[in-house]
Amino acid sequence: MGDLHGCRQELEDLLTQFAFNPNDDQLFSVGDIVGKGPDVVGTLALLQSLNARVVLGNHDLRLLEGADKKESDRDENQIKYLHSLGNQIEPWLTYMRGWPLWIDLPDVLVVHAGIEPGKKNLDDMHPYVLTHIRTWDGEGKHLNRPDDPAWFDCVTWPKTIVFGHWAKRGQVNEMGFKGLDTGCVYGRKLSGWCPETNSWHQVSARATYQTISKPRPGF
């Protein structure tokens, strides 16, 4: 399942389209559950009720970092993100703190943004890279430059990597790499991919909850 950003209704729509059965199916999320969208608590509650396995996204981490700061030290987004949890903040923080940076399955690796080129051990990769990378400059100083290659063009990995984070790029459907962030919160689509059948499932956003800048050519 691609980046949700509080789009609970679209999550329900996609589960219905897929005919998701919690007794037989397992839901995996590439993270970024919080921020930007209309119903963060409802999205969290639905994922929790389905025993979904979720990796931390950069916006999820931003919220958790804000929770660990004094209120006066939080930035504007951290204040908004924490406010979106309503009056049951602590239980949701406990739930989110249990999410890992990656989920390594026998045939699939689930991560929010991508992995660090040149490294073969996930434990050696920087959490910032795992949650922010889009492009690769050869060093890791710049992770989002349009003139640099996509990170997955610089990686060889023994199993399919499923990721999100890159709404401007949109769907990635390449051998060994499945990019699921198709910009639902920006009024586009919510996407899911089923590894057993190698099939894609998509539903349209019910609204544009936030605007996104126009993608640059090749980016």
N, C-alpha and C. Protein backbone atom coordinates (compact mmCIF):
# COMPACT_ATOMS: atom_id res chain seq x y z
N MET A 1 0.84 -1.19 0.00
CA MET A 1 0.00 0.00 0.00
C MET A 1 0.88 1.25 0.00
N GLY A 2 0.56 2.20 -0.88
CA GLY A 2 1.34 3.42 -0.97
C GLY A 2 1.08 4.40 0.17
N ASP A 3 1.76 5.53 0.12
CA ASP A 3 1.68 6.56 1.16
C ASP A 3 0.21 6.98 1.37
N LEU A 4 -0.23 6.98 2.63
CA LEU A 4 -1.63 7.22 2.94
C LEU A 4 -1.92 8.65 3.38
N HIS A 5 -1.09 9.23 4.21
CA HIS A 5 -1.27 10.62 4.66
C HIS A 5 -2.71 10.90 5.11
N GLY A 6 -3.26 10.01 5.91
CA GLY A 6 -4.57 10.27 6.47
C GLY A 6 -5.74 10.05 5.53
N CYS A 7 -5.52 9.40 4.40
CA CYS A 7 -6.60 9.18 3.43
C CYS A 7 -7.33 7.86 3.76
N ARG A 8 -8.08 7.87 4.82
CA ARG A 8 -8.75 6.65 5.29
C ARG A 8 -9.78 6.14 4.30
N GLN A 9 -10.59 7.03 3.72
CA GLN A 9 -11.63 6.58 2.80
C GLN A 9 -11.04 5.88 1.58
N GLU A 10 -9.96 6.44 1.07
CA GLU A 10 -9.32 5.82 -0.09
C GLU A 10 -8.70 4.47 0.28
N LEU A 11 -8.19 4.36 1.50
CA LEU A 11 -7.69 3.08 1.97
C LEU A 11 -8.82 2.05 1.99
N GLU A 12 -9.96 2.44 2.48
CA GLU A 12 -11.11 1.54 2.48
C GLU A 12 -11.51 1.17 1.06
N ASP A 13 -11.49 2.15 0.15
CA ASP A 13 -11.84 1.89 -1.24
C ASP A 13 -10.90 0.87 -1.87
N LEU A 14 -9.62 1.02 -1.59
CA LEU A 14 -8.64 0.11 -2.19
C LEU A 14 -8.77 -1.29 -1.62
N LEU A 15 -9.02 -1.39 -0.32
CA LEU A 15 -9.21 -2.70 0.29
C LEU A 15 -10.45 -3.39 -0.28
N THR A 16 -11.49 -2.61 -0.55
CA THR A 16 -12.70 -3.17 -1.16
C THR A 16 -12.41 -3.65 -2.57
N GLN A 17 -11.70 -2.83 -3.35
CA GLN A 17 -11.39 -3.23 -4.73
C GLN A 17 -10.59 -4.52 -4.76
N PHE A 18 -9.67 -4.65 -3.82
CA PHE A 18 -8.82 -5.84 -3.77
C PHE A 18 -9.56 -7.04 -3.18
N ALA A 19 -10.71 -6.80 -2.58
CA ALA A 19 -11.44 -7.85 -1.85
C ALA A 19 -10.57 -8.39 -0.72
N PHE A 20 -9.99 -7.45 0.02
CA PHE A 20 -9.09 -7.80 1.12
C PHE A 20 -9.81 -8.58 2.20
N ASN A 21 -9.23 -9.70 2.59
CA ASN A 21 -9.79 -10.54 3.65
C ASN A 21 -8.74 -10.66 4.75
N PRO A 22 -8.97 -10.04 5.90
CA PRO A 22 -7.95 -10.07 6.97
C PRO A 22 -7.64 -11.46 7.49
N ASN A 23 -8.51 -12.42 7.21
CA ASN A 23 -8.24 -13.80 7.64
C ASN A 23 -7.24 -14.50 6.71
N ASP A 24 -7.14 -14.00 5.48
CA ASP A 24 -6.27 -14.63 4.50
C ASP A 24 -5.14 -13.74 4.01
N ASP A 25 -5.35 -12.43 4.05
CA ASP A 25 -4.40 -11.47 3.47
C ASP A 25 -3.65 -10.70 4.54
N GLN A 26 -2.45 -10.27 4.21
CA GLN A 26 -1.65 -9.42 5.10
C GLN A 26 -1.39 -8.09 4.40
N LEU A 27 -1.71 -7.02 5.09
CA LEU A 27 -1.52 -5.68 4.54
C LEU A 27 -0.19 -5.11 5.01
N PHE A 28 0.60 -4.60 4.06
CA PHE A 28 1.86 -3.92 4.35
C PHE A 28 1.77 -2.49 3.86
N SER A 29 2.28 -1.56 4.66
CA SER A 29 2.27 -0.15 4.30
C SER A 29 3.69 0.39 4.23
N VAL A 30 3.95 1.21 3.20
CA VAL A 30 5.28 1.80 3.04
C VAL A 30 5.46 3.06 3.89
N GLY A 31 4.49 3.37 4.75
CA GLY A 31 4.67 4.47 5.68
C GLY A 31 4.11 5.80 5.20
N ASP A 32 4.45 6.87 5.93
CA ASP A 32 3.83 8.19 5.77
C ASP A 32 2.32 8.07 5.95
N ILE A 33 1.94 7.63 7.13
CA ILE A 33 0.53 7.52 7.48
C ILE A 33 -0.01 8.88 7.92
N VAL A 34 0.84 9.70 8.52
CA VAL A 34 0.39 10.97 9.09
C VAL A 34 0.69 12.12 8.13
N GLY A 35 0.13 13.29 8.49
CA GLY A 35 0.42 14.51 7.76
C GLY A 35 -0.44 14.71 6.52
N LYS A 36 -0.85 15.94 6.29
CA LYS A 36 -1.44 16.42 5.04
C LYS A 36 -2.90 16.07 4.81
N GLY A 37 -3.29 14.83 5.10
CA GLY A 37 -4.63 14.36 4.75
C GLY A 37 -5.68 14.58 5.82
N PRO A 38 -6.93 14.11 5.56
CA PRO A 38 -8.07 14.50 6.38
C PRO A 38 -8.34 13.68 7.63
N ASP A 39 -7.85 12.43 7.70
CA ASP A 39 -8.29 11.56 8.80
C ASP A 39 -7.14 10.65 9.24
N VAL A 40 -6.20 11.23 9.94
CA VAL A 40 -5.04 10.46 10.38
C VAL A 40 -5.43 9.41 11.41
N VAL A 41 -6.23 9.80 12.38
CA VAL A 41 -6.63 8.84 13.43
C VAL A 41 -7.43 7.68 12.83
N GLY A 42 -8.34 7.98 11.93
CA GLY A 42 -9.11 6.92 11.29
C GLY A 42 -8.23 5.97 10.50
N THR A 43 -7.21 6.51 9.85
CA THR A 43 -6.28 5.68 9.08
C THR A 43 -5.47 4.80 10.02
N LEU A 44 -4.96 5.37 11.08
CA LEU A 44 -4.21 4.59 12.07
C LEU A 44 -5.07 3.48 12.67
N ALA A 45 -6.31 3.83 13.00
CA ALA A 45 -7.19 2.86 13.62
C ALA A 45 -7.49 1.69 12.68
N LEU A 46 -7.69 2.00 11.41
CA LEU A 46 -7.99 0.95 10.44
C LEU A 46 -6.78 0.04 10.25
N LEU A 47 -5.60 0.63 10.12
CA LEU A 47 -4.39 -0.18 9.98
C LEU A 47 -4.19 -1.08 11.20
N GLN A 48 -4.39 -0.52 12.36
CA GLN A 48 -4.21 -1.29 13.59
C GLN A 48 -5.23 -2.42 13.68
N SER A 49 -6.47 -2.14 13.31
CA SER A 49 -7.52 -3.16 13.39
C SER A 49 -7.26 -4.31 12.43
N LEU A 50 -6.54 -4.04 11.34
CA LEU A 50 -6.23 -5.08 10.35
C LEU A 50 -4.88 -5.75 10.61
N ASN A 51 -4.24 -5.36 11.71
CA ASN A 51 -2.91 -5.88 12.02
C ASN A 51 -1.94 -5.66 10.87
N ALA A 52 -2.06 -4.49 10.24
CA ALA A 52 -1.17 -4.14 9.14
C ALA A 52 0.26 -4.00 9.65
N ARG A 53 1.18 -4.34 8.80
CA ARG A 53 2.59 -4.13 9.12
C ARG A 53 3.05 -2.86 8.40
N VAL A 54 3.59 -1.93 9.15
CA VAL A 54 3.86 -0.58 8.65
C VAL A 54 5.32 -0.23 8.90
N VAL A 55 5.98 0.35 7.90
CA VAL A 55 7.32 0.90 8.11
C VAL A 55 7.21 2.41 8.34
N LEU A 56 8.18 2.96 9.02
CA LEU A 56 8.20 4.39 9.30
C LEU A 56 8.53 5.20 8.05
N GLY A 57 7.71 6.21 7.80
CA GLY A 57 8.00 7.19 6.77
C GLY A 57 8.62 8.44 7.36
N ASN A 58 9.09 9.32 6.50
CA ASN A 58 9.73 10.53 6.99
C ASN A 58 8.77 11.42 7.78
N HIS A 59 7.49 11.46 7.37
CA HIS A 59 6.53 12.27 8.12
C HIS A 59 6.17 11.63 9.46
N ASP A 60 6.14 10.32 9.48
CA ASP A 60 5.90 9.62 10.75
C ASP A 60 7.05 9.90 11.73
N LEU A 61 8.27 9.84 11.21
CA LEU A 61 9.43 10.15 12.06
C LEU A 61 9.40 11.59 12.54
N ARG A 62 8.96 12.49 11.66
CA ARG A 62 8.89 13.90 12.03
C ARG A 62 7.94 14.08 13.21
N LEU A 63 6.83 13.37 13.18
CA LEU A 63 5.87 13.44 14.29
C LEU A 63 6.50 12.90 15.57
N LEU A 64 7.15 11.75 15.49
CA LEU A 64 7.74 11.15 16.69
C LEU A 64 8.86 12.02 17.25
N GLU A 65 9.63 12.64 16.38
CA GLU A 65 10.67 13.56 16.86
C GLU A 65 10.05 14.75 17.58
N GLY A 66 8.94 15.24 17.07
CA GLY A 66 8.25 16.35 17.73
C GLY A 66 7.71 15.96 19.09
N ALA A 67 7.23 14.72 19.19
CA ALA A 67 6.69 14.25 20.46
C ALA A 67 7.75 14.21 21.54
N ASP A 68 9.01 14.03 21.13
CA ASP A 68 10.10 13.95 22.10
C ASP A 68 10.68 15.32 22.46
N LYS A 69 10.17 16.37 21.84
CA LYS A 69 10.64 17.72 22.11
C LYS A 69 9.70 18.45 23.08
N LYS A 70 10.22 19.48 23.71
CA LYS A 70 9.34 20.38 24.45
C LYS A 70 8.42 21.07 23.45
N GLU A 71 7.23 21.40 23.88
CA GLU A 71 6.26 22.00 22.98
C GLU A 71 6.81 23.26 22.31
N SER A 72 7.58 24.04 23.05
CA SER A 72 8.11 25.28 22.49
C SER A 72 9.19 25.04 21.43
N ASP A 73 9.73 23.82 21.36
CA ASP A 73 10.79 23.52 20.39
C ASP A 73 10.27 22.84 19.13
N ARG A 74 8.98 22.55 19.08
CA ARG A 74 8.42 21.86 17.92
C ARG A 74 8.22 22.83 16.75
N ASP A 75 8.47 22.32 15.53
CA ASP A 75 8.21 23.16 14.36
C ASP A 75 6.73 23.10 14.00
N GLU A 76 6.34 23.88 13.00
CA GLU A 76 4.92 24.01 12.66
C GLU A 76 4.31 22.67 12.24
N ASN A 77 5.04 21.90 11.44
CA ASN A 77 4.50 20.62 11.00
C ASN A 77 4.36 19.64 12.16
N GLN A 78 5.32 19.63 13.06
CA GLN A 78 5.23 18.73 14.20
C GLN A 78 4.02 19.06 15.07
N ILE A 79 3.75 20.33 15.24
CA ILE A 79 2.57 20.75 16.00
C ILE A 79 1.29 20.26 15.31
N LYS A 80 1.22 20.43 13.97
CA LYS A 80 0.05 19.98 13.22
C LYS A 80 -0.11 18.47 13.30
N TYR A 81 1.00 17.75 13.12
CA TYR A 81 0.95 16.29 13.11
C TYR A 81 0.47 15.75 14.46
N LEU A 82 1.00 16.30 15.53
CA LEU A 82 0.58 15.84 16.86
C LEU A 82 -0.87 16.20 17.13
N HIS A 83 -1.28 17.37 16.67
CA HIS A 83 -2.68 17.78 16.84
C HIS A 83 -3.62 16.82 16.10
N SER A 84 -3.15 16.27 14.96
CA SER A 84 -3.99 15.39 14.17
C SER A 84 -4.28 14.06 14.87
N LEU A 85 -3.56 13.76 15.95
CA LEU A 85 -3.78 12.53 16.70
C LEU A 85 -4.92 12.66 17.70
N GLY A 86 -5.50 13.84 17.80
CA GLY A 86 -6.64 14.04 18.68
C GLY A 86 -6.28 13.97 20.15
N ASN A 87 -7.21 13.51 20.97
CA ASN A 87 -7.00 13.51 22.42
C ASN A 87 -6.48 12.18 22.94
N GLN A 88 -6.11 11.28 22.02
CA GLN A 88 -5.52 10.00 22.42
C GLN A 88 -4.10 9.88 21.88
N ILE A 89 -3.32 10.92 22.15
CA ILE A 89 -1.97 10.99 21.55
C ILE A 89 -1.09 9.84 22.01
N GLU A 90 -1.03 9.57 23.28
CA GLU A 90 -0.07 8.59 23.79
C GLU A 90 -0.28 7.18 23.23
N PRO A 91 -1.52 6.67 23.15
CA PRO A 91 -1.69 5.34 22.54
C PRO A 91 -1.22 5.29 21.09
N TRP A 92 -1.46 6.36 20.34
CA TRP A 92 -1.02 6.36 18.94
C TRP A 92 0.49 6.48 18.84
N LEU A 93 1.10 7.23 19.73
CA LEU A 93 2.57 7.32 19.73
C LEU A 93 3.17 5.96 20.05
N THR A 94 2.58 5.25 21.00
CA THR A 94 3.07 3.91 21.34
C THR A 94 2.96 2.99 20.14
N TYR A 95 1.83 3.05 19.44
CA TYR A 95 1.63 2.23 18.23
C TYR A 95 2.70 2.54 17.18
N MET A 96 2.92 3.82 16.91
CA MET A 96 3.86 4.22 15.85
C MET A 96 5.31 3.92 16.23
N ARG A 97 5.62 4.00 17.50
CA ARG A 97 6.99 3.71 17.92
C ARG A 97 7.36 2.23 17.72
N GLY A 98 6.35 1.41 17.49
CA GLY A 98 6.61 0.01 17.22
C GLY A 98 6.89 -0.30 15.75
N TRP A 99 6.79 0.71 14.89
CA TRP A 99 7.03 0.49 13.47
C TRP A 99 8.53 0.47 13.19
N PRO A 100 9.00 -0.46 12.35
CA PRO A 100 10.42 -0.52 12.01
C PRO A 100 10.74 0.38 10.81
N LEU A 101 12.02 0.47 10.49
CA LEU A 101 12.45 1.21 9.30
C LEU A 101 12.32 0.36 8.04
N TRP A 102 12.32 -0.94 8.19
CA TRP A 102 12.11 -1.82 7.04
C TRP A 102 11.49 -3.12 7.51
N ILE A 103 10.90 -3.83 6.57
CA ILE A 103 10.38 -5.17 6.81
C ILE A 103 11.00 -6.07 5.75
N ASP A 104 11.79 -7.02 6.19
CA ASP A 104 12.53 -7.89 5.28
C ASP A 104 11.85 -9.25 5.23
N LEU A 105 11.15 -9.51 4.13
CA LEU A 105 10.42 -10.75 3.92
C LEU A 105 11.23 -11.67 3.00
N PRO A 106 10.85 -12.93 2.89
CA PRO A 106 11.62 -13.85 2.05
C PRO A 106 11.78 -13.40 0.61
N ASP A 107 10.74 -12.76 0.04
CA ASP A 107 10.82 -12.37 -1.36
C ASP A 107 10.67 -10.88 -1.61
N VAL A 108 10.43 -10.11 -0.55
CA VAL A 108 10.18 -8.67 -0.70
C VAL A 108 10.82 -7.91 0.46
N LEU A 109 11.40 -6.76 0.15
CA LEU A 109 11.87 -5.82 1.17
C LEU A 109 10.97 -4.59 1.11
N VAL A 110 10.35 -4.24 2.24
CA VAL A 110 9.48 -3.07 2.31
C VAL A 110 10.22 -1.97 3.06
N VAL A 111 10.30 -0.79 2.45
CA VAL A 111 10.99 0.34 3.05
C VAL A 111 10.28 1.60 2.59
N HIS A 112 10.43 2.70 3.32
CA HIS A 112 9.66 3.89 2.94
C HIS A 112 10.17 4.53 1.66
N ALA A 113 11.42 4.94 1.63
CA ALA A 113 11.93 5.71 0.49
C ALA A 113 12.82 4.88 -0.42
N GLY A 114 13.70 4.08 0.15
CA GLY A 114 14.64 3.29 -0.65
C GLY A 114 15.79 2.84 0.22
N ILE A 115 16.80 2.28 -0.42
CA ILE A 115 17.98 1.84 0.32
C ILE A 115 19.20 2.59 -0.16
N GLU A 116 20.28 2.46 0.58
CA GLU A 116 21.49 3.23 0.31
C GLU A 116 22.39 2.48 -0.67
N PRO A 117 22.60 3.02 -1.86
CA PRO A 117 23.45 2.36 -2.83
C PRO A 117 24.85 2.13 -2.29
N GLY A 118 25.43 1.00 -2.68
CA GLY A 118 26.80 0.68 -2.28
C GLY A 118 26.90 -0.09 -0.98
N LYS A 119 25.78 -0.25 -0.27
CA LYS A 119 25.80 -1.00 0.99
C LYS A 119 24.94 -2.25 0.85
N LYS A 120 25.39 -3.34 1.44
CA LYS A 120 24.70 -4.61 1.33
C LYS A 120 23.99 -5.02 2.61
N ASN A 121 24.25 -4.31 3.71
CA ASN A 121 23.66 -4.65 5.00
C ASN A 121 22.71 -3.53 5.41
N LEU A 122 21.46 -3.86 5.62
CA LEU A 122 20.47 -2.85 5.99
C LEU A 122 20.83 -2.14 7.29
N ASP A 123 21.43 -2.86 8.22
CA ASP A 123 21.79 -2.26 9.51
C ASP A 123 22.86 -1.18 9.36
N ASP A 124 23.60 -1.20 8.26
CA ASP A 124 24.64 -0.20 8.02
C ASP A 124 24.12 1.05 7.32
N MET A 125 22.86 1.03 6.91
CA MET A 125 22.29 2.15 6.17
C MET A 125 21.72 3.19 7.11
N HIS A 126 21.90 4.45 6.76
CA HIS A 126 21.46 5.55 7.63
C HIS A 126 19.94 5.68 7.60
N PRO A 127 19.30 5.80 8.76
CA PRO A 127 17.84 5.96 8.78
C PRO A 127 17.34 7.11 7.92
N TYR A 128 18.11 8.20 7.85
CA TYR A 128 17.68 9.33 7.02
C TYR A 128 17.60 8.94 5.56
N VAL A 129 18.57 8.15 5.10
CA VAL A 129 18.55 7.69 3.71
C VAL A 129 17.35 6.78 3.47
N LEU A 130 17.11 5.85 4.36
CA LEU A 130 16.01 4.91 4.20
C LEU A 130 14.65 5.59 4.13
N THR A 131 14.54 6.76 4.74
CA THR A 131 13.26 7.46 4.79
C THR A 131 13.17 8.69 3.90
N HIS A 132 14.27 9.04 3.20
CA HIS A 132 14.25 10.26 2.40
C HIS A 132 14.78 10.12 0.97
N ILE A 133 15.53 9.08 0.66
CA ILE A 133 16.22 9.02 -0.62
C ILE A 133 15.25 8.99 -1.81
N ARG A 134 15.59 9.74 -2.82
CA ARG A 134 14.94 9.67 -4.12
C ARG A 134 16.00 9.51 -5.22
N THR A 135 17.01 10.34 -5.16
CA THR A 135 18.09 10.25 -6.14
C THR A 135 19.40 10.03 -5.40
N TRP A 136 20.43 9.67 -6.18
CA TRP A 136 21.72 9.34 -5.57
C TRP A 136 22.84 10.12 -6.23
N ASP A 137 23.63 10.81 -5.40
CA ASP A 137 24.74 11.64 -5.90
C ASP A 137 26.09 10.96 -5.76
N GLY A 138 26.09 9.71 -5.30
CA GLY A 138 27.34 8.98 -5.12
C GLY A 138 27.90 9.08 -3.72
N GLU A 139 27.38 10.01 -2.92
CA GLU A 139 27.89 10.22 -1.56
C GLU A 139 26.82 10.20 -0.49
N GLY A 140 25.62 10.59 -0.85
CA GLY A 140 24.56 10.69 0.14
C GLY A 140 24.36 12.07 0.69
N LYS A 141 25.01 13.06 0.08
CA LYS A 141 24.83 14.44 0.54
C LYS A 141 23.54 15.04 0.01
N HIS A 142 23.17 14.66 -1.21
CA HIS A 142 21.95 15.17 -1.84
C HIS A 142 21.10 13.98 -2.26
N LEU A 143 19.89 13.92 -1.77
CA LEU A 143 19.03 12.76 -2.00
C LEU A 143 17.80 13.07 -2.84
N ASN A 144 17.79 14.27 -3.44
CA ASN A 144 16.60 14.67 -4.19
C ASN A 144 16.95 15.71 -5.25
N ARG A 145 17.92 15.37 -6.12
CA ARG A 145 18.32 16.30 -7.18
C ARG A 145 17.90 15.73 -8.53
N PRO A 146 17.19 16.52 -9.34
CA PRO A 146 16.66 16.00 -10.61
C PRO A 146 17.72 15.57 -11.60
N ASP A 147 18.95 16.08 -11.48
CA ASP A 147 19.99 15.70 -12.43
C ASP A 147 20.72 14.41 -12.03
N ASP A 148 20.46 13.91 -10.84
CA ASP A 148 21.07 12.66 -10.38
C ASP A 148 20.17 11.49 -10.72
N PRO A 149 20.73 10.29 -10.85
CA PRO A 149 19.91 9.12 -11.15
C PRO A 149 19.02 8.73 -9.98
N ALA A 150 17.91 8.08 -10.30
CA ALA A 150 17.07 7.52 -9.25
C ALA A 150 17.87 6.50 -8.45
N TRP A 151 17.60 6.42 -7.16
CA TRP A 151 18.38 5.52 -6.30
C TRP A 151 18.30 4.08 -6.80
N PHE A 152 17.13 3.67 -7.32
CA PHE A 152 16.98 2.26 -7.72
C PHE A 152 17.73 1.94 -9.02
N ASP A 153 18.21 2.96 -9.71
CA ASP A 153 19.08 2.73 -10.86
C ASP A 153 20.52 2.48 -10.42
N CYS A 154 20.78 2.64 -9.13
CA CYS A 154 22.14 2.49 -8.60
C CYS A 154 22.25 1.31 -7.64
N VAL A 155 21.24 0.45 -7.63
CA VAL A 155 21.14 -0.62 -6.63
C VAL A 155 20.93 -1.97 -7.30
N THR A 156 21.60 -2.97 -6.78
CA THR A 156 21.30 -4.36 -7.09
C THR A 156 20.94 -5.04 -5.78
N TRP A 157 19.77 -5.68 -5.74
CA TRP A 157 19.31 -6.28 -4.49
C TRP A 157 18.70 -7.65 -4.81
N PRO A 158 18.84 -8.62 -3.91
CA PRO A 158 18.43 -9.99 -4.24
C PRO A 158 16.93 -10.24 -4.22
N LYS A 159 16.14 -9.26 -3.82
CA LYS A 159 14.68 -9.44 -3.80
C LYS A 159 14.02 -8.13 -4.19
N THR A 160 12.74 -8.18 -4.49
CA THR A 160 12.02 -6.98 -4.90
C THR A 160 11.92 -5.99 -3.75
N ILE A 161 12.22 -4.71 -4.04
CA ILE A 161 12.11 -3.64 -3.06
C ILE A 161 10.82 -2.87 -3.34
N VAL A 162 9.99 -2.79 -2.31
CA VAL A 162 8.72 -2.06 -2.39
C VAL A 162 8.86 -0.79 -1.56
N PHE A 163 8.53 0.35 -2.15
CA PHE A 163 8.79 1.63 -1.49
C PHE A 163 7.74 2.66 -1.87
N GLY A 164 7.79 3.81 -1.22
CA GLY A 164 6.88 4.92 -1.51
C GLY A 164 7.66 6.21 -1.62
N HIS A 165 7.14 7.29 -1.02
CA HIS A 165 7.88 8.53 -0.79
C HIS A 165 8.01 9.45 -1.99
N TRP A 166 7.80 8.98 -3.21
CA TRP A 166 8.17 9.79 -4.38
C TRP A 166 6.92 10.06 -5.22
N ALA A 167 6.04 10.89 -4.70
CA ALA A 167 4.77 11.16 -5.39
C ALA A 167 4.99 11.82 -6.75
N LYS A 168 5.99 12.68 -6.85
CA LYS A 168 6.23 13.33 -8.14
C LYS A 168 6.62 12.32 -9.21
N ARG A 169 7.39 11.33 -8.83
CA ARG A 169 7.78 10.29 -9.77
C ARG A 169 6.59 9.39 -10.10
N GLY A 170 5.78 9.11 -9.11
CA GLY A 170 4.61 8.27 -9.32
C GLY A 170 4.95 6.79 -9.34
N GLN A 171 4.10 6.03 -9.98
CA GLN A 171 4.24 4.58 -9.99
C GLN A 171 5.55 4.15 -10.63
N VAL A 172 6.24 3.25 -9.95
CA VAL A 172 7.44 2.62 -10.49
C VAL A 172 7.16 1.13 -10.59
N ASN A 173 7.24 0.61 -11.79
CA ASN A 173 6.95 -0.80 -12.02
C ASN A 173 8.07 -1.39 -12.85
N GLU A 174 9.20 -1.61 -12.19
CA GLU A 174 10.37 -2.15 -12.85
C GLU A 174 10.74 -3.49 -12.22
N MET A 175 11.50 -4.26 -12.93
CA MET A 175 11.94 -5.54 -12.40
C MET A 175 12.73 -5.32 -11.12
N GLY A 176 12.23 -5.82 -10.01
CA GLY A 176 12.92 -5.71 -8.74
C GLY A 176 12.59 -4.47 -7.94
N PHE A 177 11.77 -3.56 -8.49
CA PHE A 177 11.45 -2.31 -7.79
C PHE A 177 10.00 -1.93 -8.05
N LYS A 178 9.24 -1.72 -6.95
CA LYS A 178 7.85 -1.33 -7.05
C LYS A 178 7.63 -0.07 -6.21
N GLY A 179 7.41 1.05 -6.88
CA GLY A 179 7.17 2.32 -6.20
C GLY A 179 5.67 2.59 -6.13
N LEU A 180 5.15 2.74 -4.92
CA LEU A 180 3.70 2.76 -4.71
C LEU A 180 3.12 4.14 -4.44
N ASP A 181 3.95 5.18 -4.31
CA ASP A 181 3.40 6.49 -3.98
C ASP A 181 2.90 7.17 -5.25
N THR A 182 1.59 7.13 -5.44
CA THR A 182 1.00 7.76 -6.62
C THR A 182 0.16 8.98 -6.24
N GLY A 183 0.51 9.60 -5.12
CA GLY A 183 0.01 10.93 -4.79
C GLY A 183 -1.46 11.01 -4.43
N CYS A 184 -1.96 10.07 -3.64
CA CYS A 184 -3.37 10.11 -3.26
C CYS A 184 -3.74 11.43 -2.58
N VAL A 185 -2.94 11.85 -1.64
CA VAL A 185 -3.27 13.06 -0.87
C VAL A 185 -3.26 14.30 -1.76
N TYR A 186 -2.62 14.21 -2.93
CA TYR A 186 -2.58 15.32 -3.88
C TYR A 186 -3.68 15.21 -4.94
N GLY A 187 -4.65 14.34 -4.70
CA GLY A 187 -5.76 14.24 -5.61
C GLY A 187 -5.56 13.27 -6.75
N ARG A 188 -4.55 12.42 -6.65
CA ARG A 188 -4.28 11.49 -7.74
C ARG A 188 -4.82 10.10 -7.40
N LYS A 189 -3.97 9.14 -7.09
CA LYS A 189 -4.44 7.78 -6.84
C LYS A 189 -3.74 7.18 -5.63
N LEU A 190 -4.42 6.19 -5.04
CA LEU A 190 -3.81 5.34 -4.03
C LEU A 190 -3.55 3.99 -4.68
N SER A 191 -2.32 3.49 -4.53
CA SER A 191 -1.92 2.27 -5.23
C SER A 191 -1.51 1.18 -4.26
N GLY A 192 -1.76 -0.04 -4.69
CA GLY A 192 -1.28 -1.21 -3.97
C GLY A 192 -0.73 -2.21 -4.98
N TRP A 193 0.16 -3.07 -4.51
CA TRP A 193 0.75 -4.09 -5.37
C TRP A 193 0.72 -5.42 -4.63
N CYS A 194 0.28 -6.47 -5.32
CA CYS A 194 0.20 -7.80 -4.74
C CYS A 194 1.33 -8.66 -5.30
N PRO A 195 2.31 -9.05 -4.48
CA PRO A 195 3.45 -9.81 -4.99
C PRO A 195 3.10 -11.20 -5.49
N GLU A 196 2.09 -11.83 -4.88
CA GLU A 196 1.74 -13.19 -5.30
C GLU A 196 1.29 -13.25 -6.75
N THR A 197 0.56 -12.23 -7.18
CA THR A 197 0.03 -12.21 -8.55
C THR A 197 0.71 -11.17 -9.43
N ASN A 198 1.64 -10.40 -8.84
CA ASN A 198 2.30 -9.29 -9.55
C ASN A 198 1.25 -8.37 -10.18
N SER A 199 0.22 -8.06 -9.40
CA SER A 199 -0.88 -7.24 -9.91
C SER A 199 -0.97 -5.92 -9.14
N TRP A 200 -1.37 -4.88 -9.87
CA TRP A 200 -1.55 -3.55 -9.29
C TRP A 200 -3.03 -3.28 -9.07
N HIS A 201 -3.32 -2.52 -8.03
CA HIS A 201 -4.68 -2.11 -7.73
C HIS A 201 -4.63 -0.62 -7.38
N GLN A 202 -5.56 0.15 -7.97
CA GLN A 202 -5.55 1.59 -7.76
C GLN A 202 -6.97 2.12 -7.62
N VAL A 203 -7.11 3.15 -6.78
CA VAL A 203 -8.37 3.89 -6.69
C VAL A 203 -8.04 5.37 -6.76
N SER A 204 -8.98 6.14 -7.26
CA SER A 204 -8.79 7.59 -7.35
C SER A 204 -9.04 8.25 -6.01
N ALA A 205 -8.31 9.33 -5.76
CA ALA A 205 -8.55 10.11 -4.55
C ALA A 205 -9.94 10.73 -4.59
N ARG A 206 -10.57 10.84 -3.46
CA ARG A 206 -11.90 11.44 -3.39
C ARG A 206 -11.85 12.96 -3.44
N ALA A 207 -10.68 13.52 -3.17
CA ALA A 207 -10.52 14.98 -3.19
C ALA A 207 -9.03 15.28 -3.30
N THR A 208 -8.72 16.54 -3.56
CA THR A 208 -7.34 17.01 -3.48
C THR A 208 -7.18 17.65 -2.12
N TYR A 209 -6.42 16.99 -1.27
CA TYR A 209 -6.28 17.45 0.11
C TYR A 209 -5.11 18.42 0.26
N GLN A 210 -4.17 18.34 -0.65
CA GLN A 210 -3.03 19.26 -0.64
C GLN A 210 -2.49 19.35 -2.05
N THR A 211 -1.98 20.53 -2.41
CA THR A 211 -1.42 20.71 -3.75
C THR A 211 0.04 20.29 -3.75
N ILE A 212 0.50 19.88 -4.92
CA ILE A 212 1.89 19.50 -5.10
C ILE A 212 2.45 20.31 -6.25
N SER A 213 3.71 20.71 -6.14
CA SER A 213 4.31 21.50 -7.20
C SER A 213 4.44 20.66 -8.46
N LYS A 214 4.41 21.29 -9.61
CA LYS A 214 4.47 20.59 -10.88
C LYS A 214 5.80 19.87 -11.04
N PRO A 215 5.77 18.57 -11.38
CA PRO A 215 7.03 17.83 -11.55
C PRO A 215 7.88 18.43 -12.66
N ARG A 216 9.17 18.49 -12.41
CA ARG A 216 10.10 18.94 -13.43
C ARG A 216 10.40 17.80 -14.40
N PRO A 217 10.78 18.13 -15.65
CA PRO A 217 11.04 17.08 -16.63
C PRO A 217 12.06 16.08 -16.12
N GLY A 218 11.73 14.80 -16.26
CA GLY A 218 12.66 13.76 -15.85
C GLY A 218 12.75 13.56 -14.35
N PHE A 219 11.85 14.17 -13.60
CA PHE A 219 11.95 14.11 -12.14
C PHE A 219 10.67 13.54 -11.55
